[in-house]
Amino acid sequence: MISIFFGESFLIKRYLEDLTQKKVKTFDLEEENFENFEKEATCENLFEKKEKVLVLRNFEKNEDFKKKFLEKKEKFKNLKTEIVFWYKEKPTKKDKFFENLKEISEVKEFKAPKLWQIEKWVEKEISRFKVKMEESAKRELIQRVGENLWQLHFEIKKLTAYKKRGIIRKEDVENLVPLSLNENVFEILRFFLEGKKQKAFLLLQEFIKRGENQIMLYLLFKTQLKNLILLKELSEKKLSFSEISQKTGFHPYFVQKNWFLIKKWKKEDLLKLYSQIFKYSIWAKSGKIDPNLGFSLCFLEV
């Protein structure tokens, strides 16, 4: 059997880890050749009870391997060993090897959960560690980490190691899980939009002193404001939290925590701030202005 996997790498890794009834072995085609692969794939151990799964990595640029594999594809298709081609990126129609291979393969895309589906994924991940977590703690975790599955897994693992007994509470998350870059950017914007400019500038300066990529910060500010403007437009249509969440793909908690800000600010003011950040990000990229000074002028001119 031949399979083709691509998509969210964490989910592929998790899927392979869960194949406990099979013997999974990774074969790196940057280091190995076709002959070694063929020997491994066709070798059957009569005393081995578990079925073998051979996962192929880094084969995309190995033209010799791909050519030889396609020449013997019918042979490999009928093997007892399952052969998995793990693509780094989603293959396209321009990939002739993929187009040939998919005719005899099972193609599986591992899609990352959307923001509004993250909570269910977190609940499932928590259950793997056999611990319990308060609803408020789950919300806090998602707000702090966002959609990064690797990071969510790591933080849940850390929380369960800390709280071996009892329930993981919101204060545990606040104490142990750092805010993501996105969340820190949100905090700066929140302070500014609430009229707490000094707090906003202090947090921004702390970020810059830490050596954060300032061009990336501009991008994150633009993304956050773009989301706020979209929420503002939908709120003016009198849509509910759940309707807005469905339309945008935003998690309901994201909508709720931004609701006060979009009610307080006019759409014109949000657009003005967005245009300022857009202008100074262009100037910062081209070297016309120091990025740090650009941030200050962004907020001072609104």
C-alpha atoms as a PDB file:
ATOM      1  CA  MET A   1       0.000   0.000   0.000  1.00  0.00           C
ATOM      2  CA  ILE A   2       1.226   3.501  -0.860  1.00  0.00           C
ATOM      3  CA  SER A   3       0.059   6.682   0.899  1.00  0.00           C
ATOM      4  CA  ILE A   4       0.757  10.371   0.328  1.00  0.00           C
ATOM      5  CA  PHE A   5       0.623  12.707   3.335  1.00  0.00           C
ATOM      6  CA  PHE A   6       0.851  16.491   3.383  1.00  0.00           C
ATOM      7  CA  GLY A   7      -0.453  19.357   5.493  1.00  0.00           C
ATOM      8  CA  GLU A   8      -0.036  20.220   9.181  1.00  0.00           C
ATOM      9  CA  SER A   9       3.199  18.490  10.211  1.00  0.00           C
ATOM     10  CA  PHE A  10       2.226  18.185  13.877  1.00  0.00           C
ATOM     11  CA  LEU A  11      -0.929  16.244  12.949  1.00  0.00           C
ATOM     12  CA  ILE A  12       1.026  13.925  10.633  1.00  0.00           C
ATOM     13  CA  LYS A  13       3.564  13.256  13.374  1.00  0.00           C
ATOM     14  CA  ARG A  14       0.764  12.591  15.861  1.00  0.00           C
ATOM     15  CA  TYR A  15      -0.992  10.223  13.428  1.00  0.00           C
ATOM     16  CA  LEU A  16       2.205   8.195  12.963  1.00  0.00           C
ATOM     17  CA  GLU A  17       2.874   8.120  16.710  1.00  0.00           C
ATOM     18  CA  ASP A  18      -0.598   6.670  17.255  1.00  0.00           C
ATOM     19  CA  LEU A  19       0.101   3.694  14.995  1.00  0.00           C
ATOM     20  CA  THR A  20       1.113   1.644  18.022  1.00  0.00           C
ATOM     21  CA  GLN A  21       0.008  -1.606  16.396  1.00  0.00           C
ATOM     22  CA  LYS A  22       2.485  -1.091  13.560  1.00  0.00           C
ATOM     23  CA  LYS A  23       6.254  -0.718  13.306  1.00  0.00           C
ATOM     24  CA  VAL A  24       6.926   2.774  11.936  1.00  0.00           C
ATOM     25  CA  LYS A  25      10.344   3.587  10.480  1.00  0.00           C
ATOM     26  CA  THR A  26      11.460   6.850   8.836  1.00  0.00           C
ATOM     27  CA  PHE A  27      13.629   6.690   5.748  1.00  0.00           C
ATOM     28  CA  ASP A  28      15.499   9.932   4.865  1.00  0.00           C
ATOM     29  CA  LEU A  29      16.211  10.158   1.120  1.00  0.00           C
ATOM     30  CA  GLU A  30      18.801  12.904   1.632  1.00  0.00           C
ATOM     31  CA  GLU A  31      20.990  10.284   3.282  1.00  0.00           C
ATOM     32  CA  GLU A  32      19.764   7.017   1.747  1.00  0.00           C
ATOM     33  CA  ASN A  33      19.445   5.780  -1.848  1.00  0.00           C
ATOM     34  CA  PHE A  34      16.859   3.787  -3.783  1.00  0.00           C
ATOM     35  CA  GLU A  35      18.675   0.464  -3.364  1.00  0.00           C
ATOM     36  CA  ASN A  36      18.706   0.756   0.440  1.00  0.00           C
ATOM     37  CA  PHE A  37      15.046   1.754   0.418  1.00  0.00           C
ATOM     38  CA  GLU A  38      14.058  -1.184  -1.805  1.00  0.00           C
ATOM     39  CA  LYS A  39      15.918  -3.606   0.447  1.00  0.00           C
ATOM     40  CA  GLU A  40      14.175  -2.178   3.530  1.00  0.00           C
ATOM     41  CA  ALA A  41      10.733  -2.178   1.896  1.00  0.00           C
ATOM     42  CA  THR A  42      10.889  -5.733   0.542  1.00  0.00           C
ATOM     43  CA  CYS A  43      12.620  -7.360   3.503  1.00  0.00           C
ATOM     44  CA  GLU A  44      10.117  -9.363   5.581  1.00  0.00           C
ATOM     45  CA  ASN A  45      10.922 -10.660   9.047  1.00  0.00           C
ATOM     46  CA  LEU A  46       8.921 -13.825   9.666  1.00  0.00           C
ATOM     47  CA  PHE A  47       9.200 -13.341  13.423  1.00  0.00           C
ATOM     48  CA  GLU A  48       7.953  -9.725  13.354  1.00  0.00           C
ATOM     49  CA  LYS A  49       4.264  -9.643  14.288  1.00  0.00           C
ATOM     50  CA  LYS A  50       3.700  -5.956  13.623  1.00  0.00           C
ATOM     51  CA  GLU A  51       3.060  -4.653  10.107  1.00  0.00           C
ATOM     52  CA  LYS A  52       5.735  -2.243   8.873  1.00  0.00           C
ATOM     53  CA  VAL A  53       5.162   1.374   7.843  1.00  0.00           C
ATOM     54  CA  LEU A  54       8.027   3.016   5.975  1.00  0.00           C
ATOM     55  CA  VAL A  55       7.815   6.836   6.052  1.00  0.00           C
ATOM     56  CA  LEU A  56       9.784   8.573   3.293  1.00  0.00           C
ATOM     57  CA  ARG A  57      11.136  12.086   3.980  1.00  0.00           C
ATOM     58  CA  ASN A  58      13.151  14.523   1.832  1.00  0.00           C
ATOM     59  CA  PHE A  59      12.515  12.626  -1.390  1.00  0.00           C
ATOM     60  CA  GLU A  60      11.323  15.671  -3.357  1.00  0.00           C
ATOM     61  CA  LYS A  61      14.743  16.538  -4.844  1.00  0.00           C
ATOM     62  CA  ASN A  62      16.024  12.974  -5.216  1.00  0.00           C
ATOM     63  CA  GLU A  63      15.364  12.549  -8.946  1.00  0.00           C
ATOM     64  CA  ASP A  64      17.164   9.195  -9.166  1.00  0.00           C
ATOM     65  CA  PHE A  65      14.987   7.746  -6.416  1.00  0.00           C
ATOM     66  CA  LYS A  66      11.747   9.044  -7.948  1.00  0.00           C
ATOM     67  CA  LYS A  67      12.598   7.684 -11.385  1.00  0.00           C
ATOM     68  CA  LYS A  68      13.454   4.213 -10.056  1.00  0.00           C
ATOM     69  CA  PHE A  69      10.411   4.134  -7.778  1.00  0.00           C
ATOM     70  CA  LEU A  70       7.990   4.865 -10.629  1.00  0.00           C
ATOM     71  CA  GLU A  71       9.613   2.120 -12.721  1.00  0.00           C
ATOM     72  CA  LYS A  72       8.706  -0.404  -9.979  1.00  0.00           C
ATOM     73  CA  LYS A  73       5.585   1.267  -8.580  1.00  0.00           C
ATOM     74  CA  GLU A  74       3.326  -1.734  -9.246  1.00  0.00           C
ATOM     75  CA  LYS A  75       5.666  -3.929  -7.238  1.00  0.00           C
ATOM     76  CA  PHE A  76       5.672  -1.517  -4.282  1.00  0.00           C
ATOM     77  CA  LYS A  77       1.901  -1.074  -4.460  1.00  0.00           C
ATOM     78  CA  ASN A  78       1.383  -4.760  -3.722  1.00  0.00           C
ATOM     79  CA  LEU A  79       3.825  -5.018  -0.815  1.00  0.00           C
ATOM     80  CA  LYS A  80       2.665  -5.844   2.681  1.00  0.00           C
ATOM     81  CA  THR A  81       4.770  -2.898   3.915  1.00  0.00           C
ATOM     82  CA  GLU A  82       2.925   0.427   3.796  1.00  0.00           C
ATOM     83  CA  ILE A  83       4.970   3.163   2.108  1.00  0.00           C
ATOM     84  CA  VAL A  84       4.183   6.759   3.135  1.00  0.00           C
ATOM     85  CA  PHE A  85       5.444   9.736   1.141  1.00  0.00           C
ATOM     86  CA  TRP A  86       5.482  12.702   3.539  1.00  0.00           C
ATOM     87  CA  TYR A  87       5.515  15.895   1.481  1.00  0.00           C
ATOM     88  CA  LYS A  88       6.943  19.020   3.113  1.00  0.00           C
ATOM     89  CA  GLU A  89       4.441  21.176   1.215  1.00  0.00           C
ATOM     90  CA  LYS A  90       1.182  20.547  -0.586  1.00  0.00           C
ATOM     91  CA  PRO A  91       2.062  19.034  -3.979  1.00  0.00           C
ATOM     92  CA  THR A  92       0.797  20.703  -7.152  1.00  0.00           C
ATOM     93  CA  LYS A  93      -0.169  19.493 -10.615  1.00  0.00           C
ATOM     94  CA  LYS A  94       3.258  20.612 -11.833  1.00  0.00           C
ATOM     95  CA  ASP A  95       4.798  17.828  -9.743  1.00  0.00           C
ATOM     96  CA  LYS A  96       4.944  14.976 -12.281  1.00  0.00           C
ATOM     97  CA  PHE A  97       6.056  12.459  -9.655  1.00  0.00           C
ATOM     98  CA  PHE A  98       3.010  13.263  -7.511  1.00  0.00           C
ATOM     99  CA  GLU A  99       0.669  13.084 -10.509  1.00  0.00           C
ATOM    100  CA  ASN A 100       1.985   9.623 -11.366  1.00  0.00           C
ATOM    101  CA  LEU A 101       2.049   8.438  -7.775  1.00  0.00           C
ATOM    102  CA  LYS A 102      -1.449   9.544  -6.775  1.00  0.00           C
ATOM    103  CA  GLU A 103      -2.989   7.143  -9.305  1.00  0.00           C
ATOM    104  CA  ILE A 104      -1.949   4.183  -7.132  1.00  0.00           C
ATOM    105  CA  SER A 105      -1.912   5.898  -3.734  1.00  0.00           C
ATOM    106  CA  GLU A 106      -4.196   6.978  -0.948  1.00  0.00           C
ATOM    107  CA  VAL A 107      -3.847  10.771  -0.664  1.00  0.00           C
ATOM    108  CA  LYS A 108      -4.452  12.316   2.760  1.00  0.00           C
ATOM    109  CA  GLU A 109      -4.284  16.015   3.638  1.00  0.00           C
ATOM    110  CA  PHE A 110      -3.911  16.814   7.342  1.00  0.00           C
ATOM    111  CA  LYS A 111      -5.715  20.102   7.815  1.00  0.00           C
ATOM    112  CA  ALA A 112      -5.016  22.232  10.869  1.00  0.00           C
ATOM    113  CA  PRO A 113      -8.168  23.098  12.821  1.00  0.00           C
ATOM    114  CA  LYS A 114      -9.556  26.561  12.188  1.00  0.00           C
ATOM    115  CA  LEU A 115      -9.465  29.060  15.034  1.00  0.00           C
ATOM    116  CA  TRP A 116     -13.045  28.301  16.051  1.00  0.00           C
ATOM    117  CA  GLN A 117     -12.232  24.556  16.134  1.00  0.00           C
ATOM    118  CA  ILE A 118      -9.153  24.936  18.335  1.00  0.00           C
ATOM    119  CA  GLU A 119     -11.070  24.544  21.604  1.00  0.00           C
ATOM    120  CA  LYS A 120     -12.215  21.021  20.696  1.00  0.00           C
ATOM    121  CA  TRP A 121      -8.677  20.142  19.638  1.00  0.00           C
ATOM    122  CA  VAL A 122      -7.343  21.434  22.984  1.00  0.00           C
ATOM    123  CA  GLU A 123      -9.946  19.364  24.877  1.00  0.00           C
ATOM    124  CA  LYS A 124      -8.875  16.255  22.982  1.00  0.00           C
ATOM    125  CA  GLU A 125      -5.197  17.005  23.646  1.00  0.00           C
ATOM    126  CA  ILE A 126      -5.853  17.496  27.366  1.00  0.00           C
ATOM    127  CA  SER A 127      -7.677  14.153  27.522  1.00  0.00           C
ATOM    128  CA  ARG A 128      -4.535  12.436  26.181  1.00  0.00           C
ATOM    129  CA  PHE A 129      -2.728  13.513  29.351  1.00  0.00           C
ATOM    130  CA  LYS A 130      -5.656  12.367  31.518  1.00  0.00           C
ATOM    131  CA  VAL A 131      -6.039  15.673  33.356  1.00  0.00           C
ATOM    132  CA  LYS A 132      -8.851  18.186  33.711  1.00  0.00           C
ATOM    133  CA  MET A 133      -8.829  21.887  32.911  1.00  0.00           C
ATOM    134  CA  GLU A 134     -11.290  24.628  33.787  1.00  0.00           C
ATOM    135  CA  GLU A 135     -13.160  26.232  30.877  1.00  0.00           C
ATOM    136  CA  SER A 136     -11.662  29.617  31.754  1.00  0.00           C
ATOM    137  CA  ALA A 137      -8.193  28.017  31.720  1.00  0.00           C
ATOM    138  CA  LYS A 138      -8.803  26.590  28.225  1.00  0.00           C
ATOM    139  CA  ARG A 139      -9.880  30.001  26.960  1.00  0.00           C
ATOM    140  CA  GLU A 140      -6.835  31.645  28.524  1.00  0.00           C
ATOM    141  CA  LEU A 141      -4.525  29.050  26.977  1.00  0.00           C
ATOM    142  CA  ILE A 142      -5.990  29.558  23.490  1.00  0.00           C
ATOM    143  CA  GLN A 143      -5.837  33.336  23.828  1.00  0.00           C
ATOM    144  CA  ARG A 144      -2.191  33.205  24.908  1.00  0.00           C
ATOM    145  CA  VAL A 145      -0.913  30.663  22.383  1.00  0.00           C
ATOM    146  CA  GLY A 146      -3.258  31.002  19.394  1.00  0.00           C
ATOM    147  CA  GLU A 147      -3.400  28.357  16.642  1.00  0.00           C
ATOM    148  CA  ASN A 148       0.116  26.921  16.897  1.00  0.00           C
ATOM    149  CA  LEU A 149      -0.502  23.205  17.561  1.00  0.00           C
ATOM    150  CA  TRP A 150       3.119  22.460  18.460  1.00  0.00           C
ATOM    151  CA  GLN A 151       3.112  25.254  21.024  1.00  0.00           C
ATOM    152  CA  LEU A 152      -0.308  24.265  22.408  1.00  0.00           C
ATOM    153  CA  HIS A 153       0.896  20.683  22.831  1.00  0.00           C
ATOM    154  CA  PHE A 154       4.067  21.847  24.568  1.00  0.00           C
ATOM    155  CA  GLU A 155       2.191  24.189  26.941  1.00  0.00           C
ATOM    156  CA  ILE A 156      -0.403  21.523  27.829  1.00  0.00           C
ATOM    157  CA  LYS A 157       2.418  19.071  28.506  1.00  0.00           C
ATOM    158  CA  LYS A 158       4.116  21.655  30.730  1.00  0.00           C
ATOM    159  CA  LEU A 159       0.879  22.411  32.609  1.00  0.00           C
ATOM    160  CA  THR A 160       0.137  18.729  33.244  1.00  0.00           C
ATOM    161  CA  ALA A 161       3.703  18.145  34.492  1.00  0.00           C
ATOM    162  CA  TYR A 162       3.236  21.024  36.917  1.00  0.00           C
ATOM    163  CA  LYS A 163      -0.265  20.013  37.983  1.00  0.00           C
ATOM    164  CA  LYS A 164      -0.002  16.260  38.344  1.00  0.00           C
ATOM    165  CA  ARG A 165      -3.110  16.178  40.512  1.00  0.00           C
ATOM    166  CA  GLY A 166      -6.214  18.319  40.595  1.00  0.00           C
ATOM    167  CA  ILE A 167      -7.655  20.637  37.970  1.00  0.00           C
ATOM    168  CA  ILE A 168      -5.638  23.080  35.866  1.00  0.00           C
ATOM    169  CA  ARG A 169      -7.036  26.537  36.609  1.00  0.00           C
ATOM    170  CA  LYS A 170      -6.852  29.886  34.849  1.00  0.00           C
ATOM    171  CA  GLU A 171      -4.217  31.206  37.266  1.00  0.00           C
ATOM    172  CA  ASP A 172      -2.006  28.192  36.435  1.00  0.00           C
ATOM    173  CA  VAL A 173      -2.116  29.155  32.759  1.00  0.00           C
ATOM    174  CA  GLU A 174      -1.441  32.821  33.570  1.00  0.00           C
ATOM    175  CA  ASN A 175       1.593  31.862  35.669  1.00  0.00           C
ATOM    176  CA  LEU A 176       3.121  29.271  33.351  1.00  0.00           C
ATOM    177  CA  VAL A 177       2.168  30.145  29.756  1.00  0.00           C
ATOM    178  CA  PRO A 178       3.776  33.251  28.223  1.00  0.00           C
ATOM    179  CA  LEU A 179       1.790  35.465  25.882  1.00  0.00           C
ATOM    180  CA  SER A 180       2.463  34.805  22.214  1.00  0.00           C
ATOM    181  CA  LEU A 181       3.819  37.579  20.027  1.00  0.00           C
ATOM    182  CA  ASN A 182       0.318  38.029  18.606  1.00  0.00           C
ATOM    183  CA  GLU A 183      -1.173  38.422  22.062  1.00  0.00           C
ATOM    184  CA  ASN A 184       1.458  40.950  23.113  1.00  0.00           C
ATOM    185  CA  VAL A 185       0.683  42.983  20.006  1.00  0.00           C
ATOM    186  CA  PHE A 186      -2.998  42.763  20.930  1.00  0.00           C
ATOM    187  CA  GLU A 187      -2.192  44.033  24.447  1.00  0.00           C
ATOM    188  CA  ILE A 188      -0.312  47.044  23.029  1.00  0.00           C
ATOM    189  CA  LEU A 189      -3.252  47.864  20.753  1.00  0.00           C
ATOM    190  CA  ARG A 190      -5.725  47.378  23.578  1.00  0.00           C
ATOM    191  CA  PHE A 191      -3.843  49.779  25.853  1.00  0.00           C
ATOM    192  CA  PHE A 192      -3.683  52.344  23.059  1.00  0.00           C
ATOM    193  CA  LEU A 193      -7.347  52.034  22.102  1.00  0.00           C
ATOM    194  CA  GLU A 194      -8.335  52.294  25.777  1.00  0.00           C
ATOM    195  CA  GLY A 195      -6.421  55.580  26.018  1.00  0.00           C
ATOM    196  CA  LYS A 196      -3.533  54.099  28.034  1.00  0.00           C
ATOM    197  CA  LYS A 197      -0.834  55.325  25.659  1.00  0.00           C
ATOM    198  CA  GLN A 198       1.983  55.288  28.219  1.00  0.00           C
ATOM    199  CA  LYS A 199       1.384  51.597  28.992  1.00  0.00           C
ATOM    200  CA  ALA A 200       1.241  50.849  25.269  1.00  0.00           C
ATOM    201  CA  PHE A 201       4.570  52.575  24.616  1.00  0.00           C
ATOM    202  CA  LEU A 202       6.268  50.903  27.594  1.00  0.00           C
ATOM    203  CA  LEU A 203       5.193  47.443  26.420  1.00  0.00           C
ATOM    204  CA  LEU A 204       6.270  48.260  22.859  1.00  0.00           C
ATOM    205  CA  GLN A 205       9.694  49.420  24.047  1.00  0.00           C
ATOM    206  CA  GLU A 206      10.067  46.246  26.107  1.00  0.00           C
ATOM    207  CA  PHE A 207       9.419  44.257  22.929  1.00  0.00           C
ATOM    208  CA  ILE A 208      11.977  46.208  20.929  1.00  0.00           C
ATOM    209  CA  LYS A 209      14.622  45.855  23.670  1.00  0.00           C
ATOM    210  CA  ARG A 210      14.088  42.083  23.539  1.00  0.00           C
ATOM    211  CA  GLY A 211      15.203  42.186  19.916  1.00  0.00           C
ATOM    212  CA  GLU A 212      11.863  41.326  18.295  1.00  0.00           C
ATOM    213  CA  ASN A 213      11.817  41.750  14.516  1.00  0.00           C
ATOM    214  CA  GLN A 214      10.293  45.212  14.107  1.00  0.00           C
ATOM    215  CA  ILE A 215       9.138  44.634  10.523  1.00  0.00           C
ATOM    216  CA  MET A 216       7.290  41.554  11.771  1.00  0.00           C
ATOM    217  CA  LEU A 217       5.709  43.710  14.499  1.00  0.00           C
ATOM    218  CA  TYR A 218       4.369  46.081  11.841  1.00  0.00           C
ATOM    219  CA  LEU A 219       2.851  43.103  10.029  1.00  0.00           C
ATOM    220  CA  LEU A 220       1.199  41.835  13.227  1.00  0.00           C
ATOM    221  CA  PHE A 221      -0.199  45.280  14.033  1.00  0.00           C
ATOM    222  CA  LYS A 222      -1.662  45.513  10.526  1.00  0.00           C
ATOM    223  CA  THR A 223      -3.224  42.046  10.859  1.00  0.00           C
ATOM    224  CA  GLN A 224      -4.753  42.835  14.269  1.00  0.00           C
ATOM    225  CA  LEU A 225      -6.194  46.140  13.033  1.00  0.00           C
ATOM    226  CA  LYS A 226      -7.515  44.503   9.874  1.00  0.00           C
ATOM    227  CA  ASN A 227      -9.372  42.019  12.081  1.00  0.00           C
ATOM    228  CA  LEU A 228     -10.737  44.823  14.290  1.00  0.00           C
ATOM    229  CA  ILE A 229     -11.986  46.729  11.232  1.00  0.00           C
ATOM    230  CA  LEU A 230     -13.708  43.590   9.926  1.00  0.00           C
ATOM    231  CA  LEU A 231     -15.336  43.021  13.333  1.00  0.00           C
ATOM    232  CA  LYS A 232     -16.431  46.655  13.412  1.00  0.00           C
ATOM    233  CA  GLU A 233     -18.111  46.320  10.008  1.00  0.00           C
ATOM    234  CA  LEU A 234     -19.923  43.125  11.021  1.00  0.00           C
ATOM    235  CA  SER A 235     -20.968  44.554  14.397  1.00  0.00           C
ATOM    236  CA  GLU A 236     -22.659  47.421  12.569  1.00  0.00           C
ATOM    237  CA  LYS A 237     -24.798  44.827  10.783  1.00  0.00           C
ATOM    238  CA  LYS A 238     -26.130  43.711  14.200  1.00  0.00           C
ATOM    239  CA  LEU A 239     -24.760  40.170  13.878  1.00  0.00           C
ATOM    240  CA  SER A 240     -24.363  37.969  16.966  1.00  0.00           C
ATOM    241  CA  PHE A 241     -21.033  36.644  18.273  1.00  0.00           C
ATOM    242  CA  SER A 242     -21.702  33.211  16.790  1.00  0.00           C
ATOM    243  CA  GLU A 243     -22.741  34.643  13.395  1.00  0.00           C
ATOM    244  CA  ILE A 244     -19.584  36.766  13.251  1.00  0.00           C
ATOM    245  CA  SER A 245     -17.489  33.765  14.287  1.00  0.00           C
ATOM    246  CA  GLN A 246     -18.971  31.635  11.495  1.00  0.00           C
ATOM    247  CA  LYS A 247     -18.503  34.351   8.884  1.00  0.00           C
ATOM    248  CA  THR A 248     -14.893  35.160   9.777  1.00  0.00           C
ATOM    249  CA  GLY A 249     -13.551  31.918  11.234  1.00  0.00           C
ATOM    250  CA  PHE A 250     -12.538  33.849  14.375  1.00  0.00           C
ATOM    251  CA  HIS A 251     -12.862  32.034  17.677  1.00  0.00           C
ATOM    252  CA  PRO A 252     -15.890  33.325  19.687  1.00  0.00           C
ATOM    253  CA  TYR A 253     -13.523  34.362  22.499  1.00  0.00           C
ATOM    254  CA  PHE A 254     -11.572  36.509  20.062  1.00  0.00           C
ATOM    255  CA  VAL A 255     -14.812  38.247  19.075  1.00  0.00           C
ATOM    256  CA  GLN A 256     -15.849  38.720  22.709  1.00  0.00           C
ATOM    257  CA  LYS A 257     -12.551  40.148  23.935  1.00  0.00           C
ATOM    258  CA  ASN A 258     -12.462  42.654  21.056  1.00  0.00           C
ATOM    259  CA  TRP A 259     -16.104  43.670  21.369  1.00  0.00           C
ATOM    260  CA  PHE A 260     -15.476  46.516  23.827  1.00  0.00           C
ATOM    261  CA  LEU A 261     -12.742  48.007  21.637  1.00  0.00           C
ATOM    262  CA  ILE A 262     -14.747  47.995  18.421  1.00  0.00           C
ATOM    263  CA  LYS A 263     -17.763  49.489  20.203  1.00  0.00           C
ATOM    264  CA  LYS A 264     -15.605  52.257  21.659  1.00  0.00           C
ATOM    265  CA  TRP A 265     -13.789  53.212  18.453  1.00  0.00           C
ATOM    266  CA  LYS A 266     -15.203  54.559  15.190  1.00  0.00           C
ATOM    267  CA  LYS A 267     -14.412  52.673  12.006  1.00  0.00           C
ATOM    268  CA  GLU A 268     -12.838  55.851  10.543  1.00  0.00           C
ATOM    269  CA  ASP A 269     -10.361  56.045  13.456  1.00  0.00           C
ATOM    270  CA  LEU A 270      -9.407  52.381  13.104  1.00  0.00           C
ATOM    271  CA  LEU A 271      -8.878  52.885   9.367  1.00  0.00           C
ATOM    272  CA  LYS A 272      -6.733  55.959  10.056  1.00  0.00           C
ATOM    273  CA  LEU A 273      -4.529  54.017  12.490  1.00  0.00           C
ATOM    274  CA  TYR A 274      -4.266  51.165   9.976  1.00  0.00           C
ATOM    275  CA  SER A 275      -3.193  53.566   7.196  1.00  0.00           C
ATOM    276  CA  GLN A 276      -0.571  55.099   9.513  1.00  0.00           C
ATOM    277  CA  ILE A 277       0.904  51.695  10.371  1.00  0.00           C
ATOM    278  CA  PHE A 278       0.820  50.702   6.689  1.00  0.00           C
ATOM    279  CA  LYS A 279       2.640  53.935   5.673  1.00  0.00           C
ATOM    280  CA  TYR A 280       5.357  53.682   8.310  1.00  0.00           C
ATOM    281  CA  SER A 281       5.882  49.969   7.685  1.00  0.00           C
ATOM    282  CA  ILE A 282       6.676  50.788   4.030  1.00  0.00           C
ATOM    283  CA  TRP A 283       9.048  53.560   5.110  1.00  0.00           C
ATOM    284  CA  ALA A 284      10.730  51.291   7.685  1.00  0.00           C
ATOM    285  CA  LYS A 285      11.246  48.512   5.107  1.00  0.00           C
ATOM    286  CA  SER A 286      12.798  50.946   2.616  1.00  0.00           C
ATOM    287  CA  GLY A 287      15.046  52.516   5.278  1.00  0.00           C
ATOM    288  CA  LYS A 288      13.400  55.957   5.071  1.00  0.00           C
ATOM    289  CA  ILE A 289      12.679  55.921   8.799  1.00  0.00           C
ATOM    290  CA  ASP A 290      13.887  54.134  11.911  1.00  0.00           C
ATOM    291  CA  PRO A 291      11.274  51.423  12.708  1.00  0.00           C
ATOM    292  CA  ASN A 292      11.148  52.444  16.377  1.00  0.00           C
ATOM    293  CA  LEU A 293      10.473  56.104  15.497  1.00  0.00           C
ATOM    294  CA  GLY A 294       7.870  54.933  12.994  1.00  0.00           C
ATOM    295  CA  PHE A 295       5.943  53.149  15.750  1.00  0.00           C
ATOM    296  CA  SER A 296       5.915  56.285  17.880  1.00  0.00           C
ATOM    297  CA  LEU A 297       4.636  58.433  15.012  1.00  0.00           C
ATOM    298  CA  CYS A 298       1.970  55.807  14.119  1.00  0.00           C
ATOM    299  CA  PHE A 299       0.280  56.237  17.488  1.00  0.00           C
ATOM    300  CA  LEU A 300       1.016  59.921  18.085  1.00  0.00           C
ATOM    301  CA  GLU A 301      -0.634  61.039  14.856  1.00  0.00           C
ATOM    302  CA  VAL A 302      -3.982  59.371  15.574  1.00  0.00           C
END
